[in-house]
């Protein structure tokens, strides 16, 4: 058995431990997101907010983005008459068969409880 296979086998025996710092929340359809993609010719794209926490966000986007990319996002929720602009550093990207991309990223700052509640 190779060293990688041994490590994987050992890792699957260990119990899974939650390591997230913040609770994730599902967002209502009223929470909108526009993403500025730093790819020439792409510009501003709508994204679906999959979930959000005080420290980060998960989005569904129709355009691939490289891990490590810093995106400017505009979040809004008309129900709460609230909007904010944030930077997000992409930490993972997963493509789907349908052509969408699920991406997760960390904010450049932690959202306050009040800001988070206005987006939910």
PDB file of N, CA and C in Angstrom:
ATOM      1  N   UNK A   1       0.851  -1.171   0.000  1.00  0.00           N
ATOM      2  CA  UNK A   1       0.000   0.000   0.000  1.00  0.00           C
ATOM      3  C   UNK A   1       0.901   1.239   0.000  1.00  0.00           C
ATOM      4  N   UNK A   2       0.551   2.227  -0.845  1.00  0.00           N
ATOM      5  CA  UNK A   2       1.372   3.432  -0.920  1.00  0.00           C
ATOM      6  C   UNK A   2       1.182   4.291   0.325  1.00  0.00           C
ATOM      7  N   UNK A   3       2.089   5.274   0.493  1.00  0.00           N
ATOM      8  CA  UNK A   3       2.032   6.175   1.645  1.00  0.00           C
ATOM      9  C   UNK A   3       0.738   6.993   1.630  1.00  0.00           C
ATOM     10  N   UNK A   4       0.298   7.422   0.431  1.00  0.00           N
ATOM     11  CA  UNK A   4      -0.934   8.196   0.312  1.00  0.00           C
ATOM     12  C   UNK A   4      -2.140   7.342   0.698  1.00  0.00           C
ATOM     13  N   UNK A   5      -2.197   6.107   0.216  1.00  0.00           N
ATOM     14  CA  UNK A   5      -3.303   5.215   0.552  1.00  0.00           C
ATOM     15  C   UNK A   5      -3.343   4.932   2.047  1.00  0.00           C
ATOM     16  N   UNK A   6      -2.168   4.751   2.658  1.00  0.00           N
ATOM     17  CA  UNK A   6      -2.103   4.504   4.093  1.00  0.00           C
ATOM     18  C   UNK A   6      -2.627   5.714   4.851  1.00  0.00           C
ATOM     19  N   UNK A   7      -2.206   6.914   4.463  1.00  0.00           N
ATOM     20  CA  UNK A   7      -2.676   8.135   5.125  1.00  0.00           C
ATOM     21  C   UNK A   7      -4.178   8.280   4.992  1.00  0.00           C
ATOM     22  N   UNK A   8      -4.705   8.003   3.811  1.00  0.00           N
ATOM     23  CA  UNK A   8      -6.143   8.097   3.583  1.00  0.00           C
ATOM     24  C   UNK A   8      -6.891   7.076   4.426  1.00  0.00           C
ATOM     25  N   UNK A   9      -6.390   5.866   4.479  1.00  0.00           N
ATOM     26  CA  UNK A   9      -7.029   4.825   5.282  1.00  0.00           C
ATOM     27  C   UNK A   9      -7.043   5.208   6.756  1.00  0.00           C
ATOM     28  N   UNK A  10      -5.945   5.756   7.246  1.00  0.00           N
ATOM     29  CA  UNK A  10      -5.874   6.179   8.647  1.00  0.00           C
ATOM     30  C   UNK A  10      -6.803   7.354   8.914  1.00  0.00           C
ATOM     31  N   UNK A  11      -6.890   8.286   7.967  1.00  0.00           N
ATOM     32  CA  UNK A  11      -7.729   9.468   8.140  1.00  0.00           C
ATOM     33  C   UNK A  11      -9.208   9.094   8.195  1.00  0.00           C
ATOM     34  N   UNK A  12      -9.616   8.079   7.433  1.00  0.00           N
ATOM     35  CA  UNK A  12     -11.027   7.699   7.431  1.00  0.00           C
ATOM     36  C   UNK A  12     -11.427   6.972   8.710  1.00  0.00           C
ATOM     37  N   UNK A  13     -10.456   6.492   9.480  1.00  0.00           N
ATOM     38  CA  UNK A  13     -10.763   5.825  10.749  1.00  0.00           C
ATOM     39  C   UNK A  13     -11.001   6.823  11.872  1.00  0.00           C
ATOM     40  N   UNK A  14     -10.438   8.028  11.726  1.00  0.00           N
ATOM     41  CA  UNK A  14     -10.592   9.041  12.768  1.00  0.00           C
ATOM     42  C   UNK A  14     -11.979   9.654  12.713  1.00  0.00           C
ATOM     43  N   UNK A  15     -12.547   9.994  13.884  1.00  0.00           N
ATOM     44  CA  UNK A  15     -13.863  10.640  13.865  1.00  0.00           C
ATOM     45  C   UNK A  15     -13.763  12.030  13.250  1.00  0.00           C
ATOM     46  N   UNK A  16     -14.844  12.427  12.535  1.00  0.00           N
ATOM     47  CA  UNK A  16     -14.890  13.743  11.913  1.00  0.00           C
ATOM     48  C   UNK A  16     -15.131  14.790  12.984  1.00  0.00           C
ATOM     49  N   UNK A  17     -14.387  15.881  12.920  1.00  0.00           N
ATOM     50  CA  UNK A  17     -14.513  16.950  13.898  1.00  0.00           C
ATOM     51  C   UNK A  17     -14.831  18.249  13.164  1.00  0.00           C
ATOM     52  N   UNK A  18     -15.897  18.918  13.570  1.00  0.00           N
ATOM     53  CA  UNK A  18     -16.264  20.218  12.992  1.00  0.00           C
ATOM     54  C   UNK A  18     -15.190  21.235  13.325  1.00  0.00           C
ATOM     55  N   UNK A  19     -14.666  21.919  12.319  1.00  0.00           N
ATOM     56  CA  UNK A  19     -13.593  22.876  12.546  1.00  0.00           C
ATOM     57  C   UNK A  19     -13.987  24.302  12.164  1.00  0.00           C
ATOM     58  N   UNK A  20     -15.233  24.509  11.767  1.00  0.00           N
ATOM     59  CA  UNK A  20     -15.649  25.847  11.380  1.00  0.00           C
ATOM     60  C   UNK A  20     -15.764  26.744  12.598  1.00  0.00           C
ATOM     61  N   UNK A  21     -15.415  28.016  12.416  1.00  0.00           N
ATOM     62  CA  UNK A  21     -15.489  28.974  13.510  1.00  0.00           C
ATOM     63  C   UNK A  21     -16.895  29.542  13.674  1.00  0.00           C
ATOM     64  N   UNK A  22     -17.646  29.615  12.562  1.00  0.00           N
ATOM     65  CA  UNK A  22     -18.950  30.266  12.586  1.00  0.00           C
ATOM     66  C   UNK A  22     -20.041  29.342  12.075  1.00  0.00           C
ATOM     67  N   UNK A  23     -21.246  29.575  12.566  1.00  0.00           N
ATOM     68  CA  UNK A  23     -22.422  28.815  12.133  1.00  0.00           C
ATOM     69  C   UNK A  23     -22.810  29.270  10.732  1.00  0.00           C
ATOM     70  N   UNK A  24     -23.119  28.325   9.876  1.00  0.00           N
ATOM     71  CA  UNK A  24     -23.592  28.636   8.529  1.00  0.00           C
ATOM     72  C   UNK A  24     -25.107  28.786   8.554  1.00  0.00           C
ATOM     73  N   UNK A  25     -25.600  29.723   7.752  1.00  0.00           N
ATOM     74  CA  UNK A  25     -27.041  29.968   7.656  1.00  0.00           C
ATOM     75  C   UNK A  25     -27.464  29.913   6.195  1.00  0.00           C
ATOM     76  N   UNK A  26     -28.602  29.276   5.942  1.00  0.00           N
ATOM     77  CA  UNK A  26     -29.180  29.326   4.602  1.00  0.00           C
ATOM     78  C   UNK A  26     -29.780  30.711   4.414  1.00  0.00           C
ATOM     79  N   UNK A  27     -29.697  31.237   3.217  1.00  0.00           N
ATOM     80  CA  UNK A  27     -30.240  32.567   2.939  1.00  0.00           C
ATOM     81  C   UNK A  27     -31.561  32.454   2.193  1.00  0.00           C
ATOM     82  N   UNK A  28     -32.475  33.382   2.463  1.00  0.00           N
ATOM     83  CA  UNK A  28     -33.738  33.395   1.722  1.00  0.00           C
ATOM     84  C   UNK A  28     -33.494  33.899   0.297  1.00  0.00           C
ATOM     85  N   UNK A  29     -34.452  33.673  -0.601  1.00  0.00           N
ATOM     86  CA  UNK A  29     -34.295  34.151  -1.988  1.00  0.00           C
ATOM     87  C   UNK A  29     -34.139  35.674  -2.085  1.00  0.00           C
ATOM     88  N   UNK A  30     -34.573  36.390  -1.055  1.00  0.00           N
ATOM     89  CA  UNK A  30     -34.457  37.855  -1.066  1.00  0.00           C
ATOM     90  C   UNK A  30     -33.007  38.322  -0.947  1.00  0.00           C
ATOM     91  N   UNK A  31     -32.126  37.457  -0.486  1.00  0.00           N
ATOM     92  CA  UNK A  31     -30.710  37.817  -0.388  1.00  0.00           C
ATOM     93  C   UNK A  31     -30.080  37.629  -1.761  1.00  0.00           C
ATOM     94  N   UNK A  32     -29.648  38.740  -2.330  1.00  0.00           N
ATOM     95  CA  UNK A  32     -29.069  38.747  -3.681  1.00  0.00           C
ATOM     96  C   UNK A  32     -27.569  38.983  -3.612  1.00  0.00           C
ATOM     97  N   UNK A  33     -26.879  38.500  -4.641  1.00  0.00           N
ATOM     98  CA  UNK A  33     -25.432  38.681  -4.691  1.00  0.00           C
ATOM     99  C   UNK A  33     -24.993  38.970  -6.117  1.00  0.00           C
ATOM    100  N   UNK A  34     -24.184  40.005  -6.257  1.00  0.00           N
ATOM    101  CA  UNK A  34     -23.520  40.307  -7.526  1.00  0.00           C
ATOM    102  C   UNK A  34     -22.019  40.191  -7.286  1.00  0.00           C
ATOM    103  N   UNK A  35     -21.347  39.498  -8.191  1.00  0.00           N
ATOM    104  CA  UNK A  35     -19.918  39.235  -8.050  1.00  0.00           C
ATOM    105  C   UNK A  35     -19.156  39.906  -9.183  1.00  0.00           C
ATOM    106  N   UNK A  36     -18.127  40.641  -8.826  1.00  0.00           N
ATOM    107  CA  UNK A  36     -17.227  41.194  -9.837  1.00  0.00           C
ATOM    108  C   UNK A  36     -16.112  40.182 -10.038  1.00  0.00           C
ATOM    109  N   UNK A  37     -16.102  39.564 -11.214  1.00  0.00           N
ATOM    110  CA  UNK A  37     -15.090  38.559 -11.538  1.00  0.00           C
ATOM    111  C   UNK A  37     -13.931  39.260 -12.245  1.00  0.00           C
ATOM    112  N   UNK A  38     -12.704  39.106 -11.722  1.00  0.00           N
ATOM    113  CA  UNK A  38     -11.562  39.823 -12.292  1.00  0.00           C
ATOM    114  C   UNK A  38     -10.992  39.191 -13.557  1.00  0.00           C
ATOM    115  N   UNK A  39     -11.858  38.606 -14.377  1.00  0.00           N
ATOM    116  CA  UNK A  39     -11.434  38.030 -15.646  1.00  0.00           C
ATOM    117  C   UNK A  39     -11.816  39.007 -16.750  1.00  0.00           C
ATOM    118  N   UNK A  40     -10.876  39.379 -17.625  1.00  0.00           N
ATOM    119  CA  UNK A  40     -11.199  40.319 -18.698  1.00  0.00           C
ATOM    120  C   UNK A  40     -12.417  39.864 -19.503  1.00  0.00           C
ATOM    121  N   UNK A  41     -13.340  40.786 -19.705  1.00  0.00           N
ATOM    122  CA  UNK A  41     -14.535  40.497 -20.488  1.00  0.00           C
ATOM    123  C   UNK A  41     -15.673  39.864 -19.718  1.00  0.00           C
ATOM    124  N   UNK A  42     -15.484  39.544 -18.435  1.00  0.00           N
ATOM    125  CA  UNK A  42     -16.555  38.898 -17.655  1.00  0.00           C
ATOM    126  C   UNK A  42     -17.311  39.933 -16.836  1.00  0.00           C
ATOM    127  N   UNK A  43     -16.614  40.647 -15.981  1.00  0.00           N
ATOM    128  CA  UNK A  43     -17.244  41.720 -15.207  1.00  0.00           C
ATOM    129  C   UNK A  43     -18.175  41.256 -14.111  1.00  0.00           C
ATOM    130  N   UNK A  44     -19.369  41.830 -14.070  1.00  0.00           N
ATOM    131  CA  UNK A  44     -20.338  41.620 -12.993  1.00  0.00           C
ATOM    132  C   UNK A  44     -21.280  40.459 -13.320  1.00  0.00           C
ATOM    133  N   UNK A  45     -21.391  39.501 -12.379  1.00  0.00           N
ATOM    134  CA  UNK A  45     -22.257  38.336 -12.579  1.00  0.00           C
ATOM    135  C   UNK A  45     -23.162  38.127 -11.368  1.00  0.00           C
ATOM    136  N   UNK A  46     -24.409  37.684 -11.602  1.00  0.00           N
ATOM    137  CA  UNK A  46     -25.250  37.310 -10.467  1.00  0.00           C
ATOM    138  C   UNK A  46     -24.794  35.964  -9.915  1.00  0.00           C
ATOM    139  N   UNK A  47     -24.954  35.788  -8.621  1.00  0.00           N
ATOM    140  CA  UNK A  47     -24.628  34.513  -7.966  1.00  0.00           C
ATOM    141  C   UNK A  47     -25.743  34.182  -6.995  1.00  0.00           C
ATOM    142  N   UNK A  48     -25.909  32.908  -6.713  1.00  0.00           N
ATOM    143  CA  UNK A  48     -26.877  32.452  -5.713  1.00  0.00           C
ATOM    144  C   UNK A  48     -26.119  32.205  -4.414  1.00  0.00           C
ATOM    145  N   UNK A  49     -26.616  32.773  -3.325  1.00  0.00           N
ATOM    146  CA  UNK A  49     -25.992  32.553  -2.026  1.00  0.00           C
ATOM    147  C   UNK A  49     -26.472  31.199  -1.515  1.00  0.00           C
ATOM    148  N   UNK A  50     -25.560  30.249  -1.379  1.00  0.00           N
ATOM    149  CA  UNK A  50     -25.906  28.910  -0.882  1.00  0.00           C
ATOM    150  C   UNK A  50     -26.005  28.931   0.632  1.00  0.00           C
ATOM    151  N   UNK A  51     -25.033  29.579   1.278  1.00  0.00           N
ATOM    152  CA  UNK A  51     -25.086  29.776   2.728  1.00  0.00           C
ATOM    153  C   UNK A  51     -24.094  30.870   3.092  1.00  0.00           C
ATOM    154  N   UNK A  52     -24.249  31.372   4.314  1.00  0.00           N
ATOM    155  CA  UNK A  52     -23.417  32.481   4.757  1.00  0.00           C
ATOM    156  C   UNK A  52     -23.150  32.341   6.249  1.00  0.00           C
ATOM    157  N   UNK A  53     -22.002  32.826   6.670  1.00  0.00           N
ATOM    158  CA  UNK A  53     -21.661  32.879   8.092  1.00  0.00           C
ATOM    159  C   UNK A  53     -21.008  34.232   8.336  1.00  0.00           C
ATOM    160  N   UNK A  54     -20.659  34.499   9.565  1.00  0.00           N
ATOM    161  CA  UNK A  54     -20.005  35.766   9.885  1.00  0.00           C
ATOM    162  C   UNK A  54     -18.645  35.880   9.204  1.00  0.00           C
ATOM    163  N   UNK A  55     -18.036  34.747   8.878  1.00  0.00           N
ATOM    164  CA  UNK A  55     -16.687  34.775   8.320  1.00  0.00           C
ATOM    165  C   UNK A  55     -16.559  34.410   6.864  1.00  0.00           C
ATOM    166  N   UNK A  56     -17.665  33.958   6.238  1.00  0.00           N
ATOM    167  CA  UNK A  56     -17.536  33.548   4.843  1.00  0.00           C
ATOM    168  C   UNK A  56     -18.860  33.249   4.183  1.00  0.00           C
ATOM    169  N   UNK A  57     -18.761  32.796   2.948  1.00  0.00           N
ATOM    170  CA  UNK A  57     -19.954  32.600   2.131  1.00  0.00           C
ATOM    171  C   UNK A  57     -19.722  31.457   1.149  1.00  0.00           C
ATOM    172  N   UNK A  58     -20.801  30.800   0.762  1.00  0.00           N
ATOM    173  CA  UNK A  58     -20.766  29.812  -0.305  1.00  0.00           C
ATOM    174  C   UNK A  58     -21.722  30.282  -1.380  1.00  0.00           C
ATOM    175  N   UNK A  59     -21.239  30.310  -2.616  1.00  0.00           N
ATOM    176  CA  UNK A  59     -22.009  30.828  -3.743  1.00  0.00           C
ATOM    177  C   UNK A  59     -22.095  29.803  -4.865  1.00  0.00           C
ATOM    178  N   UNK A  60     -23.144  29.906  -5.665  1.00  0.00           N
ATOM    179  CA  UNK A  60     -23.245  29.182  -6.927  1.00  0.00           C
ATOM    180  C   UNK A  60     -23.081  30.226  -8.025  1.00  0.00           C
ATOM    181  N   UNK A  61     -22.140  29.968  -8.918  1.00  0.00           N
ATOM    182  CA  UNK A  61     -21.784  30.940  -9.945  1.00  0.00           C
ATOM    183  C   UNK A  61     -21.672  30.214 -11.276  1.00  0.00           C
ATOM    184  N   UNK A  62     -21.955  30.889 -12.373  1.00  0.00           N
ATOM    185  CA  UNK A  62     -21.894  30.277 -13.705  1.00  0.00           C
ATOM    186  C   UNK A  62     -20.532  30.433 -14.385  1.00  0.00           C
ATOM    187  N   UNK A  63     -19.550  30.914 -13.646  1.00  0.00           N
ATOM    188  CA  UNK A  63     -18.230  31.159 -14.229  1.00  0.00           C
ATOM    189  C   UNK A  63     -17.165  30.589 -13.297  1.00  0.00           C
ATOM    190  N   UNK A  64     -16.171  29.892 -13.839  1.00  0.00           N
ATOM    191  CA  UNK A  64     -15.122  29.356 -12.976  1.00  0.00           C
ATOM    192  C   UNK A  64     -14.247  30.475 -12.408  1.00  0.00           C
ATOM    193  N   UNK A  65     -13.800  30.281 -11.186  1.00  0.00           N
ATOM    194  CA  UNK A  65     -12.909  31.229 -10.517  1.00  0.00           C
ATOM    195  C   UNK A  65     -11.821  30.403  -9.835  1.00  0.00           C
ATOM    196  N   UNK A  66     -10.601  30.842  -9.919  1.00  0.00           N
ATOM    197  CA  UNK A  66      -9.484  30.102  -9.330  1.00  0.00           C
ATOM    198  C   UNK A  66      -9.430  30.284  -7.814  1.00  0.00           C
ATOM    199  N   UNK A  67      -9.048  29.230  -7.131  1.00  0.00           N
ATOM    200  CA  UNK A  67      -8.809  29.301  -5.687  1.00  0.00           C
ATOM    201  C   UNK A  67      -7.746  30.366  -5.438  1.00  0.00           C
ATOM    202  N   UNK A  68      -7.964  31.193  -4.424  1.00  0.00           N
ATOM    203  CA  UNK A  68      -7.042  32.271  -4.097  1.00  0.00           C
ATOM    204  C   UNK A  68      -7.456  33.616  -4.674  1.00  0.00           C
ATOM    205  N   UNK A  69      -8.375  33.602  -5.649  1.00  0.00           N
ATOM    206  CA  UNK A  69      -8.854  34.845  -6.255  1.00  0.00           C
ATOM    207  C   UNK A  69      -9.616  35.664  -5.224  1.00  0.00           C
ATOM    208  N   UNK A  70      -9.429  36.975  -5.253  1.00  0.00           N
ATOM    209  CA  UNK A  70     -10.209  37.864  -4.391  1.00  0.00           C
ATOM    210  C   UNK A  70     -11.309  38.477  -5.241  1.00  0.00           C
ATOM    211  N   UNK A  71     -12.557  38.246  -4.806  1.00  0.00           N
ATOM    212  CA  UNK A  71     -13.732  38.754  -5.509  1.00  0.00           C
ATOM    213  C   UNK A  71     -14.350  39.907  -4.728  1.00  0.00           C
ATOM    214  N   UNK A  72     -14.857  40.893  -5.444  1.00  0.00           N
ATOM    215  CA  UNK A  72     -15.681  41.935  -4.827  1.00  0.00           C
ATOM    216  C   UNK A  72     -17.122  41.483  -4.978  1.00  0.00           C
ATOM    217  N   UNK A  73     -17.862  41.431  -3.864  1.00  0.00           N
ATOM    218  CA  UNK A  73     -19.261  41.034  -3.942  1.00  0.00           C
ATOM    219  C   UNK A  73     -20.148  42.119  -3.335  1.00  0.00           C
ATOM    220  N   UNK A  74     -21.343  42.212  -3.890  1.00  0.00           N
ATOM    221  CA  UNK A  74     -22.359  43.125  -3.386  1.00  0.00           C
ATOM    222  C   UNK A  74     -23.524  42.254  -2.923  1.00  0.00           C
ATOM    223  N   UNK A  75     -23.807  42.279  -1.627  1.00  0.00           N
ATOM    224  CA  UNK A  75     -24.912  41.513  -1.050  1.00  0.00           C
ATOM    225  C   UNK A  75     -26.042  42.458  -0.710  1.00  0.00           C
ATOM    226  N   UNK A  76     -27.273  42.022  -0.950  1.00  0.00           N
ATOM    227  CA  UNK A  76     -28.417  42.853  -0.592  1.00  0.00           C
ATOM    228  C   UNK A  76     -29.595  41.988  -0.177  1.00  0.00           C
ATOM    229  N   UNK A  77     -30.444  42.570   0.660  1.00  0.00           N
ATOM    230  CA  UNK A  77     -31.692  41.929   1.071  1.00  0.00           C
ATOM    231  C   UNK A  77     -32.739  43.032   1.134  1.00  0.00           C
ATOM    232  N   UNK A  78     -33.651  43.058   0.147  1.00  0.00           N
ATOM    233  CA  UNK A  78     -34.666  44.109   0.043  1.00  0.00           C
ATOM    234  C   UNK A  78     -35.642  44.079   1.214  1.00  0.00           C
ATOM    235  N   UNK A  79     -35.919  42.894   1.753  1.00  0.00           N
ATOM    236  CA  UNK A  79     -36.843  42.781   2.882  1.00  0.00           C
ATOM    237  C   UNK A  79     -36.359  43.589   4.070  1.00  0.00           C
ATOM    238  N   UNK A  80     -35.056  43.577   4.303  1.00  0.00           N
ATOM    239  CA  UNK A  80     -34.477  44.303   5.439  1.00  0.00           C
ATOM    240  C   UNK A  80     -33.875  45.645   5.016  1.00  0.00           C
ATOM    241  N   UNK A  81     -34.068  46.012   3.729  1.00  0.00           N
ATOM    242  CA  UNK A  81     -33.532  47.267   3.200  1.00  0.00           C
ATOM    243  C   UNK A  81     -32.050  47.409   3.561  1.00  0.00           C
ATOM    244  N   UNK A  82     -31.288  46.368   3.206  1.00  0.00           N
ATOM    245  CA  UNK A  82     -29.881  46.322   3.597  1.00  0.00           C
ATOM    246  C   UNK A  82     -29.013  45.876   2.433  1.00  0.00           C
ATOM    247  N   UNK A  83     -27.817  46.457   2.329  1.00  0.00           N
ATOM    248  CA  UNK A  83     -26.824  45.987   1.363  1.00  0.00           C
ATOM    249  C   UNK A  83     -25.429  46.268   1.905  1.00  0.00           C
ATOM    250  N   UNK A  84     -24.461  45.515   1.416  1.00  0.00           N
ATOM    251  CA  UNK A  84     -23.065  45.732   1.807  1.00  0.00           C
ATOM    252  C   UNK A  84     -22.156  45.211   0.701  1.00  0.00           C
ATOM    253  N   UNK A  85     -20.953  45.764   0.674  1.00  0.00           N
ATOM    254  CA  UNK A  85     -19.929  45.337  -0.267  1.00  0.00           C
ATOM    255  C   UNK A  85     -18.784  44.719   0.520  1.00  0.00           C
ATOM    256  N   UNK A  86     -18.329  43.549   0.056  1.00  0.00           N
ATOM    257  CA  UNK A  86     -17.280  42.818   0.761  1.00  0.00           C
ATOM    258  C   UNK A  86     -16.281  42.248  -0.229  1.00  0.00           C
ATOM    259  N   UNK A  87     -15.100  41.937   0.266  1.00  0.00           N
ATOM    260  CA  UNK A  87     -14.138  41.160  -0.501  1.00  0.00           C
ATOM    261  C   UNK A  87     -14.184  39.729   0.012  1.00  0.00           C
ATOM    262  N   UNK A  88     -14.082  38.787  -0.907  1.00  0.00           N
ATOM    263  CA  UNK A  88     -14.093  37.366  -0.565  1.00  0.00           C
ATOM    264  C   UNK A  88     -12.891  36.701  -1.226  1.00  0.00           C
ATOM    265  N   UNK A  89     -12.097  36.001  -0.438  1.00  0.00           N
ATOM    266  CA  UNK A  89     -10.987  35.214  -0.987  1.00  0.00           C
ATOM    267  C   UNK A  89     -11.493  33.791  -1.193  1.00  0.00           C
ATOM    268  N   UNK A  90     -11.444  33.300  -2.420  1.00  0.00           N
ATOM    269  CA  UNK A  90     -11.964  31.973  -2.775  1.00  0.00           C
ATOM    270  C   UNK A  90     -11.066  30.903  -2.168  1.00  0.00           C
ATOM    271  N   UNK A  91     -11.686  29.970  -1.402  1.00  0.00           N
ATOM    272  CA  UNK A  91     -10.913  28.898  -0.771  1.00  0.00           C
ATOM    273  C   UNK A  91     -11.204  27.522  -1.373  1.00  0.00           C
ATOM    274  N   UNK A  92     -12.356  27.380  -2.044  1.00  0.00           N
ATOM    275  CA  UNK A  92     -12.613  26.138  -2.779  1.00  0.00           C
ATOM    276  C   UNK A  92     -13.558  26.404  -3.936  1.00  0.00           C
ATOM    277  N   UNK A  93     -13.443  25.569  -4.974  1.00  0.00           N
ATOM    278  CA  UNK A  93     -14.330  25.633  -6.137  1.00  0.00           C
ATOM    279  C   UNK A  93     -14.639  24.209  -6.551  1.00  0.00           C
ATOM    280  N   UNK A  94     -15.926  23.934  -6.763  1.00  0.00           N
ATOM    281  CA  UNK A  94     -16.352  22.610  -7.207  1.00  0.00           C
ATOM    282  C   UNK A  94     -17.265  22.802  -8.413  1.00  0.00           C
ATOM    283  N   UNK A  95     -16.917  22.173  -9.524  1.00  0.00           N
ATOM    284  CA  UNK A  95     -17.747  22.255 -10.724  1.00  0.00           C
ATOM    285  C   UNK A  95     -18.857  21.220 -10.689  1.00  0.00           C
ATOM    286  N   UNK A  96     -19.963  21.511 -11.376  1.00  0.00           N
ATOM    287  CA  UNK A  96     -21.064  20.552 -11.459  1.00  0.00           C
ATOM    288  C   UNK A  96     -21.266  20.136 -12.916  1.00  0.00           C
ATOM    289  N   UNK A  97     -22.014  19.092 -13.126  1.00  0.00           N
ATOM    290  CA  UNK A  97     -22.310  18.611 -14.476  1.00  0.00           C
ATOM    291  C   UNK A  97     -23.145  19.618 -15.261  1.00  0.00           C
ATOM    292  N   UNK A  98     -23.924  20.420 -14.532  1.00  0.00           N
ATOM    293  CA  UNK A  98     -24.800  21.406 -15.169  1.00  0.00           C
ATOM    294  C   UNK A  98     -24.039  22.648 -15.622  1.00  0.00           C
ATOM    295  N   UNK A  99     -22.772  22.757 -15.241  1.00  0.00           N
ATOM    296  CA  UNK A  99     -21.971  23.898 -15.650  1.00  0.00           C
ATOM    297  C   UNK A  99     -21.836  24.986 -14.604  1.00  0.00           C
ATOM    298  N   UNK A 100     -22.536  24.841 -13.475  1.00  0.00           N
ATOM    299  CA  UNK A 100     -22.393  25.803 -12.379  1.00  0.00           C
ATOM    300  C   UNK A 100     -21.144  25.473 -11.578  1.00  0.00           C
ATOM    301  N   UNK A 101     -20.719  26.433 -10.782  1.00  0.00           N
ATOM    302  CA  UNK A 101     -19.571  26.244  -9.912  1.00  0.00           C
ATOM    303  C   UNK A 101     -19.966  26.645  -8.500  1.00  0.00           C
ATOM    304  N   UNK A 102     -19.763  25.740  -7.559  1.00  0.00           N
ATOM    305  CA  UNK A 102     -19.966  26.062  -6.141  1.00  0.00           C
ATOM    306  C   UNK A 102     -18.625  26.545  -5.624  1.00  0.00           C
ATOM    307  N   UNK A 103     -18.644  27.704  -5.000  1.00  0.00           N
ATOM    308  CA  UNK A 103     -17.396  28.195  -4.443  1.00  0.00           C
ATOM    309  C   UNK A 103     -17.615  28.666  -3.023  1.00  0.00           C
ATOM    310  N   UNK A 104     -16.579  28.549  -2.243  1.00  0.00           N
ATOM    311  CA  UNK A 104     -16.618  29.012  -0.868  1.00  0.00           C
ATOM    312  C   UNK A 104     -15.485  29.980  -0.657  1.00  0.00           C
ATOM    313  N   UNK A 105     -15.742  30.973   0.172  1.00  0.00           N
ATOM    314  CA  UNK A 105     -14.705  31.950   0.406  1.00  0.00           C
ATOM    315  C   UNK A 105     -14.812  32.596   1.769  1.00  0.00           C
ATOM    316  N   UNK A 106     -13.719  33.195   2.180  1.00  0.00           N
ATOM    317  CA  UNK A 106     -13.694  33.886   3.462  1.00  0.00           C
ATOM    318  C   UNK A 106     -13.737  35.388   3.220  1.00  0.00           C
ATOM    319  N   UNK A 107     -14.491  36.082   4.073  1.00  0.00           N
ATOM    320  CA  UNK A 107     -14.603  37.531   3.974  1.00  0.00           C
ATOM    321  C   UNK A 107     -13.307  38.200   4.415  1.00  0.00           C
ATOM    322  N   UNK A 108     -13.120  39.433   3.969  1.00  0.00           N
ATOM    323  CA  UNK A 108     -11.953  40.208   4.384  1.00  0.00           C
ATOM    324  C   UNK A 108     -12.125  40.752   5.803  1.00  0.00           C
ATOM    325  N   UNK A 109     -13.319  40.620   6.348  1.00  0.00           N
ATOM    326  CA  UNK A 109     -13.604  41.029   7.730  1.00  0.00           C
ATOM    327  C   UNK A 109     -14.762  40.186   8.238  1.00  0.00           C
ATOM    328  N   UNK A 110     -14.926  40.132   9.536  1.00  0.00           N
ATOM    329  CA  UNK A 110     -16.018  39.371  10.139  1.00  0.00           C
ATOM    330  C   UNK A 110     -17.268  40.240  10.156  1.00  0.00           C
ATOM    331  N   UNK A 111     -18.394  39.665   9.724  1.00  0.00           N
ATOM    332  CA  UNK A 111     -19.669  40.374   9.773  1.00  0.00           C
ATOM    333  C   UNK A 111     -20.157  40.450  11.217  1.00  0.00           C
ATOM    334  N   UNK A 112     -20.756  41.570  11.568  1.00  0.00           N
ATOM    335  CA  UNK A 112     -21.364  41.688  12.895  1.00  0.00           C
ATOM    336  C   UNK A 112     -22.647  40.862  12.910  1.00  0.00           C
ATOM    337  N   UNK A 113     -23.155  40.570  14.096  1.00  0.00           N
ATOM    338  CA  UNK A 113     -24.425  39.846  14.206  1.00  0.00           C
ATOM    339  C   UNK A 113     -25.541  40.614  13.509  1.00  0.00           C
ATOM    340  N   UNK A 114     -25.528  41.938  13.654  1.00  0.00           N
ATOM    341  CA  UNK A 114     -26.563  42.776  13.032  1.00  0.00           C
ATOM    342  C   UNK A 114     -26.498  42.672  11.509  1.00  0.00           C
ATOM    343  N   UNK A 115     -25.291  42.750  10.936  1.00  0.00           N
ATOM    344  CA  UNK A 115     -25.139  42.630   9.485  1.00  0.00           C
ATOM    345  C   UNK A 115     -25.629  41.265   9.000  1.00  0.00           C
ATOM    346  N   UNK A 116     -25.235  40.233   9.698  1.00  0.00           N
ATOM    347  CA  UNK A 116     -25.622  38.885   9.314  1.00  0.00           C
ATOM    348  C   UNK A 116     -27.130  38.713   9.349  1.00  0.00           C
ATOM    349  N   UNK A 117     -27.771  39.189  10.407  1.00  0.00           N
ATOM    350  CA  UNK A 117     -29.230  39.063  10.542  1.00  0.00           C
ATOM    351  C   UNK A 117     -29.965  39.807   9.430  1.00  0.00           C
ATOM    352  N   UNK A 118     -29.418  40.920   8.980  1.00  0.00           N
ATOM    353  CA  UNK A 118     -30.065  41.686   7.906  1.00  0.00           C
ATOM    354  C   UNK A 118     -29.969  40.996   6.549  1.00  0.00           C
ATOM    355  N   UNK A 119     -29.063  40.029   6.427  1.00  0.00           N
ATOM    356  CA  UNK A 119     -28.940  39.260   5.201  1.00  0.00           C
ATOM    357  C   UNK A 119     -29.751  37.972   5.222  1.00  0.00           C
ATOM    358  N   UNK A 120     -30.275  37.633   6.384  1.00  0.00           N
ATOM    359  CA  UNK A 120     -31.034  36.381   6.524  1.00  0.00           C
ATOM    360  C   UNK A 120     -32.531  36.615   6.421  1.00  0.00           C
TER     361      UNK A 120
END
